Amino acid sequence: MKTIVTILAAGIAAAARAEVGYVPGWNRTTETNGLAYASCKDVFKDRVCAFWGWDGDRGWATSAANADIAAKRLADEIASTNAAFRSELVIVGHSLGGRIVARTLAELSRRGVKVGQGILLAPAIPMNDPDVALMGGGCGRPVLVLVNPQDVVLKYCYDMVGGEGGPALGRNGSPVALANVVEYAVPKTITDETKVDAAWGRSETVKRLCNHLAAFYFAELRRILDGKPSKSAQVRVPQGRINLEWKVIDAGVWWDILERCGGWKLERNIVTGHCRIISPERRRVAWGTEAQMRASFRKIRAQMSARSQTGRTDE
């Protein structure tokens, strides 16, 4: 990994602008002229940005292992800089880069070191990973986590064949509230609302299939930093087990309704005892143990309550 110590000259405390480090995702770790980094520089155009590449242009398993190694090295390098620099530093990571940022912040937290802020875009790290619970302690300002429940890569690749032992944080966030962490869900329409100049960007279908790309998350991040997050953000429903969404057709014969909220239902199977969450459109969006699903339903209730207070709409 490129050392961040060489990115800035000594005396950063006197710099007029904060620094932003961008950690790219899998198979994008050398694209300094790519769409993702261009989007980062556009969002943080009033700051000095740096591209922090790492050894992630390999197979998935190797790259995931390398991401964990890169996080430790990045934490070492950040900890070696002066406090004034760290207090202004913003670290942004996408996908596996978001995983690196989460682990870096957790390691800094264990050392009692803080940076200004961490931002995770569609982080490819299990939602129940111990480092996720610790990462808020590595920042002065809240960690921002941008998620997308319909992210194609995280939903159909990471969750099902990623071998990580749990759903990605980047899909529905954490099942429990995290200290000094704020989650935002991008709207379903984010790909339609984001202009992509590349040839493939002319097809809305292709854009929707490519909704894991960093550019779409940066579009929502811009709104958040401007204090105008999307009012139509999706409801975040942490998963219990790998779930294929489908429309339920039974009339409740085999299921007891445990809780209701805003059209959402928490149900328990009278035979097996496992639970499921049904959306207002009567689709099974999550299933697992009763404890897992009750925790997920508490998160749904919290979101419904917040929306009723702010006027945000459901999706």
C-alpha atoms as a PDB file:
ATOM      1  CA  MET A   1       0.000   0.000   0.000  1.00  0.00           C
ATOM      2  CA  LYS A   2       1.191   3.491  -0.758  1.00  0.00           C
ATOM      3  CA  THR A   3       2.183   5.214   2.420  1.00  0.00           C
ATOM      4  CA  ILE A   4      -0.015   8.111   3.383  1.00  0.00           C
ATOM      5  CA  VAL A   5       2.972   9.695   5.087  1.00  0.00           C
ATOM      6  CA  THR A   6       4.342  10.584   1.655  1.00  0.00           C
ATOM      7  CA  ILE A   7       1.071  12.059   0.458  1.00  0.00           C
ATOM      8  CA  LEU A   8       1.382  15.151   2.587  1.00  0.00           C
ATOM      9  CA  ALA A   9       4.390  17.208   3.537  1.00  0.00           C
ATOM     10  CA  ALA A  10       5.237  17.922   7.157  1.00  0.00           C
ATOM     11  CA  GLY A  11       3.269  20.727   8.693  1.00  0.00           C
ATOM     12  CA  ILE A  12      -0.149  19.510   7.577  1.00  0.00           C
ATOM     13  CA  ALA A  13      -1.642  21.167  10.650  1.00  0.00           C
ATOM     14  CA  ALA A  14      -1.208  24.479   8.928  1.00  0.00           C
ATOM     15  CA  ALA A  15      -2.968  23.360   5.744  1.00  0.00           C
ATOM     16  CA  ALA A  16      -6.055  25.368   4.870  1.00  0.00           C
ATOM     17  CA  ARG A  17      -7.968  22.386   3.497  1.00  0.00           C
ATOM     18  CA  ALA A  18      -8.713  18.977   4.964  1.00  0.00           C
ATOM     19  CA  GLU A  19      -7.426  15.823   3.288  1.00  0.00           C
ATOM     20  CA  VAL A  20      -9.568  13.040   1.845  1.00  0.00           C
ATOM     21  CA  GLY A  21      -8.190   9.563   1.213  1.00  0.00           C
ATOM     22  CA  TYR A  22     -10.101   7.299  -1.174  1.00  0.00           C
ATOM     23  CA  VAL A  23      -9.724   3.518  -0.847  1.00  0.00           C
ATOM     24  CA  PRO A  24     -11.089   1.774  -3.984  1.00  0.00           C
ATOM     25  CA  GLY A  25     -12.973  -1.487  -4.186  1.00  0.00           C
ATOM     26  CA  TRP A  26     -12.152  -4.891  -5.627  1.00  0.00           C
ATOM     27  CA  ASN A  27     -10.511  -4.905  -9.077  1.00  0.00           C
ATOM     28  CA  ARG A  28     -10.465  -1.110  -9.092  1.00  0.00           C
ATOM     29  CA  THR A  29      -7.375  -0.648  -6.956  1.00  0.00           C
ATOM     30  CA  THR A  30      -5.191   1.061  -9.573  1.00  0.00           C
ATOM     31  CA  GLU A  31      -7.816   3.108 -11.454  1.00  0.00           C
ATOM     32  CA  THR A  32      -6.667   6.594 -10.555  1.00  0.00           C
ATOM     33  CA  ASN A  33      -8.392   7.872 -13.699  1.00  0.00           C
ATOM     34  CA  GLY A  34     -11.559   5.817 -13.246  1.00  0.00           C
ATOM     35  CA  LEU A  35     -15.146   6.910 -12.637  1.00  0.00           C
ATOM     36  CA  ALA A  36     -15.047   6.115  -8.909  1.00  0.00           C
ATOM     37  CA  TYR A  37     -12.118   8.354  -8.030  1.00  0.00           C
ATOM     38  CA  ALA A  38     -13.403  11.073 -10.351  1.00  0.00           C
ATOM     39  CA  SER A  39     -16.694  10.959  -8.430  1.00  0.00           C
ATOM     40  CA  CYS A  40     -14.823  11.219  -5.140  1.00  0.00           C
ATOM     41  CA  LYS A  41     -12.868  14.273  -6.286  1.00  0.00           C
ATOM     42  CA  ASP A  42     -16.067  15.848  -7.565  1.00  0.00           C
ATOM     43  CA  VAL A  43     -17.836  15.422  -4.213  1.00  0.00           C
ATOM     44  CA  PHE A  44     -14.805  16.719  -2.302  1.00  0.00           C
ATOM     45  CA  LYS A  45     -13.746  19.313  -4.858  1.00  0.00           C
ATOM     46  CA  ASP A  46     -12.873  21.839  -2.146  1.00  0.00           C
ATOM     47  CA  ARG A  47     -10.398  19.453  -0.521  1.00  0.00           C
ATOM     48  CA  VAL A  48      -7.176  17.723  -1.437  1.00  0.00           C
ATOM     49  CA  CYS A  49      -7.907  14.113  -2.385  1.00  0.00           C
ATOM     50  CA  ALA A  50      -5.516  11.182  -2.530  1.00  0.00           C
ATOM     51  CA  PHE A  51      -5.993   7.752  -4.138  1.00  0.00           C
ATOM     52  CA  TRP A  52      -4.875   4.981  -1.778  1.00  0.00           C
ATOM     53  CA  GLY A  53      -4.383   1.879  -3.891  1.00  0.00           C
ATOM     54  CA  TRP A  54      -3.881  -1.628  -2.494  1.00  0.00           C
ATOM     55  CA  ASP A  55      -3.326  -5.165  -3.772  1.00  0.00           C
ATOM     56  CA  GLY A  56      -6.917  -6.001  -4.682  1.00  0.00           C
ATOM     57  CA  ASP A  57      -6.912  -6.827  -8.390  1.00  0.00           C
ATOM     58  CA  ARG A  58      -6.890 -10.568  -7.744  1.00  0.00           C
ATOM     59  CA  GLY A  59      -9.401 -13.341  -7.069  1.00  0.00           C
ATOM     60  CA  TRP A  60     -12.065 -12.653  -4.462  1.00  0.00           C
ATOM     61  CA  ALA A  61     -10.631 -14.706  -1.604  1.00  0.00           C
ATOM     62  CA  THR A  62      -7.103 -13.364  -2.097  1.00  0.00           C
ATOM     63  CA  SER A  63      -8.321  -9.792  -2.427  1.00  0.00           C
ATOM     64  CA  ALA A  64     -10.475 -10.045   0.718  1.00  0.00           C
ATOM     65  CA  ALA A  65      -7.472 -11.337   2.666  1.00  0.00           C
ATOM     66  CA  ASN A  66      -5.290  -8.586   1.199  1.00  0.00           C
ATOM     67  CA  ALA A  67      -7.886  -5.996   2.225  1.00  0.00           C
ATOM     68  CA  ASP A  68      -7.561  -7.070   5.848  1.00  0.00           C
ATOM     69  CA  ILE A  69      -3.770  -6.816   5.619  1.00  0.00           C
ATOM     70  CA  ALA A  70      -4.046  -3.400   3.963  1.00  0.00           C
ATOM     71  CA  ALA A  71      -6.265  -2.155   6.804  1.00  0.00           C
ATOM     72  CA  LYS A  72      -3.651  -3.006   9.411  1.00  0.00           C
ATOM     73  CA  ARG A  73      -0.947  -1.216   7.407  1.00  0.00           C
ATOM     74  CA  LEU A  74      -3.140   1.812   6.875  1.00  0.00           C
ATOM     75  CA  ALA A  75      -3.904   2.005  10.592  1.00  0.00           C
ATOM     76  CA  ASP A  76      -0.157   1.871  11.339  1.00  0.00           C
ATOM     77  CA  GLU A  77       0.551   4.704   8.923  1.00  0.00           C
ATOM     78  CA  ILE A  78      -2.286   6.907  10.107  1.00  0.00           C
ATOM     79  CA  ALA A  79      -1.294   6.383  13.734  1.00  0.00           C
ATOM     80  CA  SER A  80       2.236   7.556  12.872  1.00  0.00           C
ATOM     81  CA  THR A  81       1.044  10.961  11.640  1.00  0.00           C
ATOM     82  CA  ASN A  82       0.440  13.992  13.812  1.00  0.00           C
ATOM     83  CA  ALA A  83      -2.847  14.611  15.616  1.00  0.00           C
ATOM     84  CA  ALA A  84      -3.602  17.791  13.675  1.00  0.00           C
ATOM     85  CA  PHE A  85      -3.504  15.906  10.373  1.00  0.00           C
ATOM     86  CA  ARG A  86      -5.616  13.052  11.729  1.00  0.00           C
ATOM     87  CA  SER A  87      -8.296  15.395  13.072  1.00  0.00           C
ATOM     88  CA  GLU A  88      -8.927  16.723   9.555  1.00  0.00           C
ATOM     89  CA  LEU A  89      -8.543  13.422   7.711  1.00  0.00           C
ATOM     90  CA  VAL A  90     -11.574  11.891   5.974  1.00  0.00           C
ATOM     91  CA  ILE A  91     -11.246   8.292   4.767  1.00  0.00           C
ATOM     92  CA  VAL A  92     -13.693   7.101   2.106  1.00  0.00           C
ATOM     93  CA  GLY A  93     -13.886   3.472   1.010  1.00  0.00           C
ATOM     94  CA  HIS A  94     -16.087   1.625  -1.479  1.00  0.00           C
ATOM     95  CA  SER A  95     -16.938  -2.100  -1.368  1.00  0.00           C
ATOM     96  CA  LEU A  96     -13.776  -3.926  -0.234  1.00  0.00           C
ATOM     97  CA  GLY A  97     -12.316  -0.455   0.218  1.00  0.00           C
ATOM     98  CA  GLY A  98     -15.145   0.160   2.688  1.00  0.00           C
ATOM     99  CA  ARG A  99     -14.078  -2.989   4.478  1.00  0.00           C
ATOM    100  CA  ILE A 100     -10.541  -1.587   4.709  1.00  0.00           C
ATOM    101  CA  VAL A 101     -11.863   1.672   6.160  1.00  0.00           C
ATOM    102  CA  ALA A 102     -14.018  -0.174   8.723  1.00  0.00           C
ATOM    103  CA  ARG A 103     -11.111  -2.332   9.895  1.00  0.00           C
ATOM    104  CA  THR A 104      -8.733   0.645   9.914  1.00  0.00           C
ATOM    105  CA  LEU A 105     -11.088   2.668  12.101  1.00  0.00           C
ATOM    106  CA  ALA A 106     -11.607  -0.289  14.441  1.00  0.00           C
ATOM    107  CA  GLU A 107      -7.851  -0.730  14.830  1.00  0.00           C
ATOM    108  CA  LEU A 108      -7.407   2.980  15.491  1.00  0.00           C
ATOM    109  CA  SER A 109     -10.171   2.782  18.085  1.00  0.00           C
ATOM    110  CA  ARG A 110      -8.339  -0.028  19.874  1.00  0.00           C
ATOM    111  CA  ARG A 111      -5.264   2.209  19.990  1.00  0.00           C
ATOM    112  CA  GLY A 112      -7.160   5.260  21.215  1.00  0.00           C
ATOM    113  CA  VAL A 113      -6.480   7.137  17.947  1.00  0.00           C
ATOM    114  CA  LYS A 114      -9.094   9.067  15.939  1.00  0.00           C
ATOM    115  CA  VAL A 115      -9.362  10.527  12.451  1.00  0.00           C
ATOM    116  CA  GLY A 116     -11.825  13.211  11.431  1.00  0.00           C
ATOM    117  CA  GLN A 117     -14.351  10.941   9.742  1.00  0.00           C
ATOM    118  CA  GLY A 118     -14.811   7.638   7.958  1.00  0.00           C
ATOM    119  CA  ILE A 119     -17.257   7.083   5.083  1.00  0.00           C
ATOM    120  CA  LEU A 120     -18.206   3.593   3.914  1.00  0.00           C
ATOM    121  CA  LEU A 121     -19.939   3.130   0.558  1.00  0.00           C
ATOM    122  CA  ALA A 122     -21.522  -0.326   0.100  1.00  0.00           C
ATOM    123  CA  PRO A 123     -18.962  -1.898   2.454  1.00  0.00           C
ATOM    124  CA  ALA A 124     -18.222  -5.559   1.718  1.00  0.00           C
ATOM    125  CA  ILE A 125     -17.816  -6.705   5.304  1.00  0.00           C
ATOM    126  CA  PRO A 126     -20.192  -8.900   7.357  1.00  0.00           C
ATOM    127  CA  MET A 127     -22.734  -6.802   9.235  1.00  0.00           C
ATOM    128  CA  ASN A 128     -21.922  -8.667  12.477  1.00  0.00           C
ATOM    129  CA  ASP A 129     -18.150  -8.416  12.144  1.00  0.00           C
ATOM    130  CA  PRO A 130     -16.581  -7.324  15.469  1.00  0.00           C
ATOM    131  CA  ASP A 131     -14.750  -4.464  13.733  1.00  0.00           C
ATOM    132  CA  VAL A 132     -18.076  -2.974  12.624  1.00  0.00           C
ATOM    133  CA  ALA A 133     -19.058  -2.491  16.266  1.00  0.00           C
ATOM    134  CA  LEU A 134     -15.736  -0.784  17.031  1.00  0.00           C
ATOM    135  CA  MET A 135     -15.251   1.476  14.016  1.00  0.00           C
ATOM    136  CA  GLY A 136     -17.183   4.447  15.420  1.00  0.00           C
ATOM    137  CA  GLY A 137     -14.545   4.832  18.106  1.00  0.00           C
ATOM    138  CA  GLY A 138     -11.913   5.640  15.491  1.00  0.00           C
ATOM    139  CA  CYS A 139     -13.573   8.882  14.367  1.00  0.00           C
ATOM    140  CA  GLY A 140     -14.243  12.281  15.827  1.00  0.00           C
ATOM    141  CA  ARG A 141     -17.346  12.762  13.672  1.00  0.00           C
ATOM    142  CA  PRO A 142     -19.879   9.990  13.000  1.00  0.00           C
ATOM    143  CA  VAL A 143     -18.975   7.282  10.519  1.00  0.00           C
ATOM    144  CA  LEU A 144     -21.306   7.480   7.515  1.00  0.00           C
ATOM    145  CA  VAL A 145     -22.418   4.147   6.049  1.00  0.00           C
ATOM    146  CA  LEU A 146     -24.266   4.227   2.724  1.00  0.00           C
ATOM    147  CA  VAL A 147     -26.161   1.046   1.901  1.00  0.00           C
ATOM    148  CA  ASN A 148     -28.441  -0.297  -0.809  1.00  0.00           C
ATOM    149  CA  PRO A 149     -30.752  -3.261  -0.025  1.00  0.00           C
ATOM    150  CA  GLN A 150     -30.964  -3.937  -3.776  1.00  0.00           C
ATOM    151  CA  ASP A 151     -27.223  -3.746  -4.494  1.00  0.00           C
ATOM    152  CA  VAL A 152     -26.834  -6.490  -7.122  1.00  0.00           C
ATOM    153  CA  VAL A 153     -23.252  -7.454  -6.250  1.00  0.00           C
ATOM    154  CA  LEU A 154     -23.800  -7.574  -2.493  1.00  0.00           C
ATOM    155  CA  LYS A 155     -27.198  -9.244  -2.720  1.00  0.00           C
ATOM    156  CA  TYR A 156     -26.493 -11.957  -5.270  1.00  0.00           C
ATOM    157  CA  CYS A 157     -22.722 -12.407  -5.119  1.00  0.00           C
ATOM    158  CA  TYR A 158     -21.398 -11.441  -1.696  1.00  0.00           C
ATOM    159  CA  ASP A 159     -24.284 -12.708   0.430  1.00  0.00           C
ATOM    160  CA  MET A 160     -24.709 -15.981  -1.464  1.00  0.00           C
ATOM    161  CA  VAL A 161     -21.213 -17.048  -2.505  1.00  0.00           C
ATOM    162  CA  GLY A 162     -18.866 -14.661  -0.734  1.00  0.00           C
ATOM    163  CA  GLY A 163     -18.068 -17.161   2.007  1.00  0.00           C
ATOM    164  CA  GLU A 164     -17.966 -14.410   4.638  1.00  0.00           C
ATOM    165  CA  GLY A 165     -20.372 -15.994   7.081  1.00  0.00           C
ATOM    166  CA  GLY A 166     -23.003 -13.267   7.037  1.00  0.00           C
ATOM    167  CA  PRO A 167     -24.802 -10.627   4.954  1.00  0.00           C
ATOM    168  CA  ALA A 168     -22.842  -7.553   3.936  1.00  0.00           C
ATOM    169  CA  LEU A 169     -23.068  -4.395   5.998  1.00  0.00           C
ATOM    170  CA  GLY A 170     -23.422  -2.547   2.688  1.00  0.00           C
ATOM    171  CA  ARG A 171     -26.882  -3.973   1.975  1.00  0.00           C
ATOM    172  CA  ASN A 172     -28.991  -3.205   5.036  1.00  0.00           C
ATOM    173  CA  GLY A 173     -26.585  -1.873   7.613  1.00  0.00           C
ATOM    174  CA  SER A 174     -26.193  -3.229  11.124  1.00  0.00           C
ATOM    175  CA  PRO A 175     -28.952  -5.112  12.960  1.00  0.00           C
ATOM    176  CA  VAL A 176     -28.246  -3.022  16.057  1.00  0.00           C
ATOM    177  CA  ALA A 177     -27.500   0.651  16.623  1.00  0.00           C
ATOM    178  CA  LEU A 178     -23.770   1.405  16.530  1.00  0.00           C
ATOM    179  CA  ALA A 179     -22.009   4.097  18.537  1.00  0.00           C
ATOM    180  CA  ASN A 180     -20.975   7.123  16.452  1.00  0.00           C
ATOM    181  CA  VAL A 181     -22.283   5.563  13.217  1.00  0.00           C
ATOM    182  CA  VAL A 182     -25.059   6.911  10.979  1.00  0.00           C
ATOM    183  CA  GLU A 183     -26.576   4.837   8.185  1.00  0.00           C
ATOM    184  CA  TYR A 184     -28.202   6.057   4.986  1.00  0.00           C
ATOM    185  CA  ALA A 185     -29.918   3.988   2.316  1.00  0.00           C
ATOM    186  CA  VAL A 186     -29.781   5.149  -1.273  1.00  0.00           C
ATOM    187  CA  PRO A 187     -33.115   5.331  -3.125  1.00  0.00           C
ATOM    188  CA  LYS A 188     -34.099   2.689  -5.675  1.00  0.00           C
ATOM    189  CA  THR A 189     -34.020   5.430  -8.286  1.00  0.00           C
ATOM    190  CA  ILE A 190     -30.362   6.334  -7.692  1.00  0.00           C
ATOM    191  CA  THR A 191     -29.199   4.845 -11.005  1.00  0.00           C
ATOM    192  CA  ASP A 192     -31.873   6.756 -12.941  1.00  0.00           C
ATOM    193  CA  GLU A 193     -30.941   9.987 -11.195  1.00  0.00           C
ATOM    194  CA  THR A 194     -27.178   9.676 -11.722  1.00  0.00           C
ATOM    195  CA  LYS A 195     -25.662  10.704 -15.028  1.00  0.00           C
ATOM    196  CA  VAL A 196     -22.879   8.464 -16.348  1.00  0.00           C
ATOM    197  CA  ASP A 197     -20.985   9.752 -19.372  1.00  0.00           C
ATOM    198  CA  ALA A 198     -19.610   6.339 -20.390  1.00  0.00           C
ATOM    199  CA  ALA A 199     -21.309   4.536 -23.295  1.00  0.00           C
ATOM    200  CA  TRP A 200     -22.864   1.931 -20.996  1.00  0.00           C
ATOM    201  CA  GLY A 201     -24.443   4.751 -19.007  1.00  0.00           C
ATOM    202  CA  ARG A 202     -26.945   5.362 -21.803  1.00  0.00           C
ATOM    203  CA  SER A 203     -28.798   2.171 -20.846  1.00  0.00           C
ATOM    204  CA  GLU A 204     -30.906   2.414 -17.702  1.00  0.00           C
ATOM    205  CA  THR A 205     -31.079  -1.388 -17.570  1.00  0.00           C
ATOM    206  CA  VAL A 206     -27.308  -1.723 -17.545  1.00  0.00           C
ATOM    207  CA  LYS A 207     -27.038   1.011 -14.918  1.00  0.00           C
ATOM    208  CA  ARG A 208     -29.470  -0.816 -12.636  1.00  0.00           C
ATOM    209  CA  LEU A 209     -27.465  -4.038 -13.004  1.00  0.00           C
ATOM    210  CA  CYS A 210     -24.312  -2.077 -12.180  1.00  0.00           C
ATOM    211  CA  ASN A 211     -25.785  -0.337  -9.131  1.00  0.00           C
ATOM    212  CA  HIS A 212     -22.839  -1.433  -6.959  1.00  0.00           C
ATOM    213  CA  LEU A 213     -20.563   1.074  -8.687  1.00  0.00           C
ATOM    214  CA  ALA A 214     -19.132   3.786  -6.456  1.00  0.00           C
ATOM    215  CA  ALA A 215     -20.441   6.620  -8.641  1.00  0.00           C
ATOM    216  CA  PHE A 216     -24.039   5.917  -7.586  1.00  0.00           C
ATOM    217  CA  TYR A 217     -23.152   5.978  -3.899  1.00  0.00           C
ATOM    218  CA  PHE A 218     -21.159   9.184  -4.319  1.00  0.00           C
ATOM    219  CA  ALA A 219     -24.258  10.784  -5.871  1.00  0.00           C
ATOM    220  CA  GLU A 220     -26.190  10.169  -2.652  1.00  0.00           C
ATOM    221  CA  LEU A 221     -23.203  11.088  -0.500  1.00  0.00           C
ATOM    222  CA  ARG A 222     -23.193  14.524  -2.110  1.00  0.00           C
ATOM    223  CA  ARG A 223     -26.799  15.044  -1.024  1.00  0.00           C
ATOM    224  CA  ILE A 224     -26.045  13.867   2.492  1.00  0.00           C
ATOM    225  CA  LEU A 225     -23.071  16.193   2.877  1.00  0.00           C
ATOM    226  CA  ASP A 226     -25.245  19.026   1.566  1.00  0.00           C
ATOM    227  CA  GLY A 227     -27.793  18.228   4.268  1.00  0.00           C
ATOM    228  CA  LYS A 228     -30.365  16.969   1.755  1.00  0.00           C
ATOM    229  CA  PRO A 229     -30.480  13.151   1.915  1.00  0.00           C
ATOM    230  CA  SER A 230     -33.039  11.492  -0.344  1.00  0.00           C
ATOM    231  CA  LYS A 231     -36.526  11.410   1.130  1.00  0.00           C
ATOM    232  CA  SER A 232     -37.336   8.183  -0.692  1.00  0.00           C
ATOM    233  CA  ALA A 233     -34.511   6.075   0.743  1.00  0.00           C
ATOM    234  CA  GLN A 234     -35.210   2.355   1.006  1.00  0.00           C
ATOM    235  CA  VAL A 235     -36.105   0.640   4.260  1.00  0.00           C
ATOM    236  CA  ARG A 236     -33.137  -1.251   5.711  1.00  0.00           C
ATOM    237  CA  VAL A 237     -33.961  -4.800   6.855  1.00  0.00           C
ATOM    238  CA  PRO A 238     -30.928  -6.669   8.240  1.00  0.00           C
ATOM    239  CA  GLN A 239     -30.899 -10.267   7.045  1.00  0.00           C
ATOM    240  CA  GLY A 240     -30.817 -13.368   9.224  1.00  0.00           C
ATOM    241  CA  ARG A 241     -30.059 -15.993   6.599  1.00  0.00           C
ATOM    242  CA  ILE A 242     -29.512 -15.920   2.856  1.00  0.00           C
ATOM    243  CA  ASN A 243     -32.839 -14.810   1.434  1.00  0.00           C
ATOM    244  CA  LEU A 244     -34.407 -15.003  -1.996  1.00  0.00           C
ATOM    245  CA  GLU A 245     -37.275 -12.546  -2.075  1.00  0.00           C
ATOM    246  CA  TRP A 246     -40.623 -13.837  -3.256  1.00  0.00           C
ATOM    247  CA  LYS A 247     -44.251 -12.934  -2.857  1.00  0.00           C
ATOM    248  CA  VAL A 248     -45.973 -14.957  -0.130  1.00  0.00           C
ATOM    249  CA  ILE A 249     -49.294 -16.530  -1.030  1.00  0.00           C
ATOM    250  CA  ASP A 250     -50.489 -18.305   2.132  1.00  0.00           C
ATOM    251  CA  ALA A 251     -53.323 -16.799   4.113  1.00  0.00           C
ATOM    252  CA  GLY A 252     -51.574 -17.055   7.450  1.00  0.00           C
ATOM    253  CA  VAL A 253     -52.465 -20.708   8.104  1.00  0.00           C
ATOM    254  CA  TRP A 254     -48.942 -21.666   9.066  1.00  0.00           C
ATOM    255  CA  TRP A 255     -47.863 -18.329  10.455  1.00  0.00           C
ATOM    256  CA  ASP A 256     -48.578 -16.295  13.571  1.00  0.00           C
ATOM    257  CA  ILE A 257     -48.241 -12.526  13.284  1.00  0.00           C
ATOM    258  CA  LEU A 258     -46.002 -11.283  16.077  1.00  0.00           C
ATOM    259  CA  GLU A 259     -45.753  -7.597  15.166  1.00  0.00           C
ATOM    260  CA  ARG A 260     -47.042  -5.072  12.625  1.00  0.00           C
ATOM    261  CA  CYS A 261     -45.729  -1.658  11.629  1.00  0.00           C
ATOM    262  CA  GLY A 262     -46.560   0.523   8.641  1.00  0.00           C
ATOM    263  CA  GLY A 263     -47.629  -2.412   6.490  1.00  0.00           C
ATOM    264  CA  TRP A 264     -44.642  -4.533   7.553  1.00  0.00           C
ATOM    265  CA  LYS A 265     -45.230  -7.795   9.421  1.00  0.00           C
ATOM    266  CA  LEU A 266     -43.106 -10.055  11.584  1.00  0.00           C
ATOM    267  CA  GLU A 267     -44.402 -13.642  11.416  1.00  0.00           C
ATOM    268  CA  ARG A 268     -43.439 -16.907  13.118  1.00  0.00           C
ATOM    269  CA  ASN A 269     -43.952 -20.354  11.627  1.00  0.00           C
ATOM    270  CA  ILE A 270     -46.132 -22.460  13.930  1.00  0.00           C
ATOM    271  CA  VAL A 271     -44.242 -25.657  13.015  1.00  0.00           C
ATOM    272  CA  THR A 272     -40.567 -24.756  12.786  1.00  0.00           C
ATOM    273  CA  GLY A 273     -40.552 -21.609  14.960  1.00  0.00           C
ATOM    274  CA  HIS A 274     -38.439 -19.648  12.493  1.00  0.00           C
ATOM    275  CA  CYS A 275     -39.541 -16.108  11.645  1.00  0.00           C
ATOM    276  CA  ARG A 276     -39.851 -13.989   8.548  1.00  0.00           C
ATOM    277  CA  ILE A 277     -40.447 -10.347   7.709  1.00  0.00           C
ATOM    278  CA  ILE A 278     -43.043  -9.477   5.093  1.00  0.00           C
ATOM    279  CA  SER A 279     -42.983  -6.143   3.274  1.00  0.00           C
ATOM    280  CA  PRO A 280     -46.102  -4.058   2.540  1.00  0.00           C
ATOM    281  CA  GLU A 281     -45.971  -5.611  -0.950  1.00  0.00           C
ATOM    282  CA  ARG A 282     -46.235  -9.056   0.711  1.00  0.00           C
ATOM    283  CA  ARG A 283     -42.708 -10.094  -0.199  1.00  0.00           C
ATOM    284  CA  ARG A 284     -40.521 -12.073   2.171  1.00  0.00           C
ATOM    285  CA  VAL A 285     -37.558  -9.766   2.607  1.00  0.00           C
ATOM    286  CA  ALA A 286     -35.785 -11.552   5.469  1.00  0.00           C
ATOM    287  CA  TRP A 287     -35.968 -14.724   7.535  1.00  0.00           C
ATOM    288  CA  GLY A 288     -34.084 -16.353  10.385  1.00  0.00           C
ATOM    289  CA  THR A 289     -34.325 -17.006  14.100  1.00  0.00           C
ATOM    290  CA  GLU A 290     -36.871 -15.146  16.194  1.00  0.00           C
ATOM    291  CA  ALA A 291     -34.113 -13.174  17.923  1.00  0.00           C
ATOM    292  CA  GLN A 292     -32.601 -12.115  14.583  1.00  0.00           C
ATOM    293  CA  MET A 293     -35.927 -11.087  13.087  1.00  0.00           C
ATOM    294  CA  ARG A 294     -37.096  -9.227  16.183  1.00  0.00           C
ATOM    295  CA  ALA A 295     -33.881  -7.196  16.046  1.00  0.00           C
ATOM    296  CA  SER A 296     -34.477  -6.482  12.356  1.00  0.00           C
ATOM    297  CA  PHE A 297     -38.079  -5.490  13.041  1.00  0.00           C
ATOM    298  CA  ARG A 298     -36.971  -3.070  15.752  1.00  0.00           C
ATOM    299  CA  LYS A 299     -34.842  -1.406  13.100  1.00  0.00           C
ATOM    300  CA  ILE A 300     -37.853  -1.193  10.782  1.00  0.00           C
ATOM    301  CA  ARG A 301     -39.909   0.408  13.564  1.00  0.00           C
ATOM    302  CA  ALA A 302     -37.187   2.960  14.214  1.00  0.00           C
ATOM    303  CA  GLN A 303     -37.083   3.884  10.530  1.00  0.00           C
ATOM    304  CA  MET A 304     -40.857   4.165  10.305  1.00  0.00           C
ATOM    305  CA  SER A 305     -40.881   6.405  13.357  1.00  0.00           C
ATOM    306  CA  ALA A 306     -38.153   8.630  11.939  1.00  0.00           C
ATOM    307  CA  ARG A 307     -39.966   8.914   8.618  1.00  0.00           C
ATOM    308  CA  SER A 308     -43.220   9.921  10.262  1.00  0.00           C
ATOM    309  CA  GLN A 309     -41.366  12.727  12.027  1.00  0.00           C
ATOM    310  CA  THR A 310     -39.429  13.992   8.994  1.00  0.00           C
ATOM    311  CA  GLY A 311     -41.939  13.424   6.224  1.00  0.00           C
ATOM    312  CA  ARG A 312     -39.744  10.962   4.376  1.00  0.00           C
ATOM    313  CA  THR A 313     -41.515   8.396   2.191  1.00  0.00           C
ATOM    314  CA  ASP A 314     -41.235   4.633   2.115  1.00  0.00           C
ATOM    315  CA  GLU A 315     -39.920   2.440  -0.637  1.00  0.00           C
END
